[in-house]
Structure formats: structure tokens, C-alpha cells
Protein backbone atom coordinates (compact mmCIF):
# COMPACT_ATOMS: atom_id res chain seq x y z
CA MET A 1 117.26 56.56 13.26
CA LYS A 2 117.02 53.55 15.50
CA PHE A 3 115.16 52.28 18.46
CA THR A 4 117.91 52.65 21.17
CA GLN A 5 119.21 56.50 19.30
CA LYS A 6 115.32 57.48 20.49
CA ILE A 7 115.52 57.12 24.17
CA ARG A 8 118.85 58.26 24.34
CA ILE A 9 117.35 61.63 22.99
CA LYS A 10 114.49 61.66 25.75
CA ILE A 11 116.53 60.24 28.49
CA LYS A 12 118.74 63.41 27.47
CA GLU A 13 116.33 65.39 27.65
CA GLN A 14 114.71 64.66 31.12
CA SER A 15 115.95 66.52 33.21
CA GLY A 16 115.96 65.27 36.75
CA MET A 17 117.17 66.70 40.53
CA THR A 18 120.88 66.41 41.31
CA LEU A 19 121.80 66.82 44.30
CA ALA A 20 122.18 70.28 44.71
CA GLU A 21 118.83 71.31 44.57
CA ILE A 22 118.26 67.69 47.13
CA MET A 23 120.19 69.51 49.64
CA VAL A 24 118.50 73.07 49.25
CA VAL A 25 115.27 71.89 49.56
CA MET A 26 116.35 69.33 52.17
CA GLY A 27 117.88 72.39 53.69
CA ILE A 28 114.74 74.11 53.72
CA PHE A 29 112.81 71.28 54.99
CA VAL A 30 115.06 71.31 58.55
CA ILE A 31 114.48 74.99 58.77
CA LEU A 32 111.01 75.07 58.30
CA THR A 33 110.48 72.18 60.92
CA ALA A 34 113.14 73.61 63.47
CA GLY A 35 110.80 77.02 63.19
CA MET A 36 107.56 74.30 63.75
CA LEU A 37 109.22 72.88 66.70
CA MET A 38 110.15 75.92 68.60
CA VAL A 39 106.59 77.08 68.59
CA PHE A 40 105.27 73.71 69.73
CA ASN A 41 107.66 74.12 72.59
CA THR A 42 106.69 78.16 73.23
CA TYR A 43 103.82 76.97 73.07
CA ALA A 44 103.68 74.18 75.30
CA ASP A 45 106.12 75.37 78.33
CA TYR A 46 103.33 77.91 78.09
CA TRP A 47 100.51 76.12 79.47
CA ASN A 48 102.24 73.64 81.39
CA VAL A 49 102.62 77.45 83.59
CA ASN A 50 99.00 77.37 82.82
CA ARG A 51 97.32 74.49 83.61
CA THR A 52 100.03 74.52 87.31
CA LYS A 53 98.43 78.64 87.79
CA VAL A 54 95.41 77.13 87.55
CA GLU A 55 95.54 74.22 89.74
CA LEU A 56 97.25 76.74 92.77
CA GLN A 57 94.30 79.08 92.10
CA GLN A 58 92.31 75.20 92.60
CA ASP A 59 94.12 74.17 95.27
CA LEU A 60 94.24 77.86 96.92
CA ARG A 61 89.71 77.62 96.77
CA LEU A 62 89.63 74.58 98.27
CA ALA A 63 91.70 75.21 100.84
CA MET A 64 89.84 78.33 101.99
CA ILE A 65 86.69 76.73 101.99
CA ARG A 66 87.86 74.44 103.93
CA LEU A 67 89.53 77.43 106.26
CA SER A 68 86.72 79.64 106.24
CA SER A 69 84.25 77.06 107.30
CA ASP A 70 86.04 76.10 110.92
CA LEU A 71 87.14 79.05 111.97
CA ARG A 72 84.07 80.02 111.00
CA ARG A 73 82.90 77.95 114.73
CA ALA A 74 85.33 80.44 116.22
CA VAL A 75 83.80 82.45 118.40
CA ALA A 76 85.30 86.42 117.79
CA GLY A 77 85.69 86.20 121.95
CA THR A 78 87.96 83.00 122.25
CA ILE A 79 90.62 83.52 119.47
CA ASP A 80 93.80 83.39 120.83
CA LEU A 81 94.98 86.56 118.02
CA PRO A 82 94.27 90.37 119.94
CA ALA A 83 92.34 92.95 117.30
CA GLY A 84 95.16 94.82 116.17
CA SER A 85 97.65 91.77 115.76
CA SER A 86 98.91 89.59 113.30
CA ILE A 87 100.48 85.78 113.02
CA GLU A 88 101.99 84.64 110.10
CA LEU A 89 102.59 80.73 109.61
CA ASN A 90 105.65 80.47 107.27
CA GLU A 91 107.04 76.56 105.45
CA ASN A 92 110.35 76.80 107.34
CA ASN A 93 109.36 77.26 111.28
CA GLN A 94 106.33 75.49 112.64
CA MET A 95 103.63 77.54 114.87
CA THR A 96 100.54 76.17 115.55
CA PHE A 97 97.37 79.16 115.71
CA ASP A 98 95.12 77.62 118.57
CA VAL A 99 90.93 78.66 118.14
CA ARG A 100 88.24 77.28 120.28
CA VAL A 101 85.31 76.65 119.22
CA ALA A 102 81.70 77.69 120.52
CA SER A 103 80.41 75.48 122.89
CA GLN A 104 76.66 75.91 120.83
CA VAL A 105 78.97 73.97 117.92
CA PRO A 106 78.73 70.51 117.85
CA GLY A 107 82.12 68.38 116.86
CA TRP A 108 85.38 70.37 118.32
CA SER A 109 85.95 71.46 121.69
CA SER A 110 89.14 73.70 119.94
CA PHE A 111 91.36 73.06 116.74
CA THR A 112 94.90 74.18 116.08
CA ILE A 113 96.37 75.44 112.11
CA MET A 114 99.22 74.53 111.53
CA LEU A 115 101.75 74.33 109.10
CA ASP A 116 104.75 72.01 108.56
CA ASP A 117 108.13 72.06 107.18
CA GLN A 118 106.95 70.27 104.26
CA GLY A 119 104.27 73.18 103.26
CA ARG A 120 100.85 70.76 104.73
CA LEU A 121 98.41 73.06 106.17
CA TRP A 122 97.17 70.62 109.02
CA CYS A 123 93.93 71.28 110.54
CA ASN A 124 92.94 68.71 113.32
CA GLU A 125 94.94 66.18 113.00
CA LYS A 126 94.82 66.70 108.71
CA ILE A 127 95.93 67.79 105.81
CA ILE A 128 93.41 70.82 103.89
CA ALA A 129 96.55 71.95 101.56
CA TYR A 130 99.76 71.17 99.81
CA ASN A 131 101.87 73.57 98.79
CA VAL A 132 101.74 76.04 101.17
CA LYS A 133 103.92 78.60 101.34
CA HIS A 134 103.11 81.45 104.20
CA LEU A 135 99.57 81.92 105.43
CA GLY A 136 99.17 85.19 107.70
CA PHE A 137 95.52 85.76 110.05
CA SER A 138 95.52 89.36 111.68
CA ARG A 139 93.09 90.76 112.93
CA GLU A 140 91.99 95.07 113.06
CA SER A 141 91.30 96.57 116.33
CA ALA A 142 88.27 97.90 114.43
CA GLN A 143 86.71 95.07 113.57
CA PRO A 144 88.04 92.49 115.65
CA SER A 145 85.16 89.84 114.78
CA ILE A 146 86.80 89.30 111.45
CA ILE A 147 89.78 88.07 110.70
CA ASN A 148 91.78 88.01 107.66
CA VAL A 149 94.14 85.61 106.15
CA ASP A 150 96.67 86.11 103.52
CA PHE A 151 97.83 82.62 101.11
CA GLU A 152 99.94 81.53 99.34
CA MET A 153 100.87 78.54 97.65
CA GLU A 154 103.99 78.21 95.41
CA LYS A 155 105.22 74.65 92.73
CA SER A 156 107.71 74.05 91.28
CA ARG A 157 107.51 73.29 87.55
CA GLY A 158 110.54 72.43 84.92
CA GLY A 159 113.99 72.95 86.83
CA ASN A 160 114.51 75.56 89.23
CA ARG A 161 111.03 77.68 87.95
CA THR A 162 108.27 78.18 90.37
CA ILE A 163 105.03 79.29 90.33
CA ALA A 164 103.14 81.20 92.93
CA ARG A 165 99.80 81.93 93.68
CA ASN A 166 97.57 84.42 96.72
CA LEU A 167 94.80 84.98 97.71
CA ASP A 168 93.52 86.90 100.27
CA PHE A 169 90.59 86.71 102.06
CA SER A 170 88.48 88.30 105.33
CA ILE A 171 86.49 85.58 107.72
CA GLN A 172 83.72 86.81 110.08
CA LEU A 173 83.54 85.02 113.38
CA ARG A 174 80.57 84.42 115.69
CA ASN A 175 80.06 87.10 118.43
């Protein structure tokens, strides 16, 4: 047997991958990759939603701190909100809420809380919060020195998806 015949026999004995086998392997790879991308996109969406919720919660907390510190300066008898009533500030109506401050508190003699049509919450001509959807104040007849605040913010995230957070808190006024 000649050397060239031995090489031909070895080549015939070796089996490579056929085109059909390569196509099957590529199809499996494409299906696995598509599945992994779908899982990744789902978790990336969850991450973005949760990040937005955390941002809104932090913004609500900061606005609550700023608003509380301003309202705590007010005297219960001088606030323009009778006991047993409430006032609603919504982004589509520009309402103001006037508060007179106790004479022993240095600084302001009164201040105004306003929610404009762009969702910005103003207190004495400075913005204390963005993305505000609703702000409500109420006083109970039983405890007129306490103001209850209902605060809602919302952000749009990706297309027409809107995420909202709500915070309710009470503020003790000066007597």
C-alpha cells in the first residue's frame, strides 16, 4: 500500500461535521441566546422600575422634611385651614395655601405653598419638590393643632409607564 493510499483511507475514516449538524447547533445556540436576552430584559425592567420607586420615595421623604420644617413654624390658630376641613392642590389647578408664622420665629411672617401645572411644589418662591401629582392638607376638629398631609408623586418611565408613590404624614403645629 502506497503512502497516498494510506492518507486517503485516513481522510475517509475521519468524520467532520456536516452542514446539517452545524445548522442544528447554531439553531440551539440562537434559541438559548434569545432566552437569556429575554430574561435579562425582564430583570433590567424590574431594576429600572424599582430604581424609580426608590427615587420617588427619596424625593417624597426630602419634600416631607422641607415641608414639615416650614409648617412647624406656623401657629395652629393662624393657619388658613379651619378645623374639620381640607384643601387639595393638584397639578392642573394652581392653588396657594397661605400660612402665617408665629411672631417668635425669626425669618418669615408668612409663607405660601403652591403646586404649579408642571408638578413643581413651591414654598416661598423656591422649589422644594418636583413630579408632584397631588398634595392635600386636612385638619380634624378633634385635634386642630395637627395638620395631616397627603402627598403623591409620579414619574414616567419608558413609554407610557407611570410609577406613583404616596406618603401620608402629620405635623404638630405651634400652639
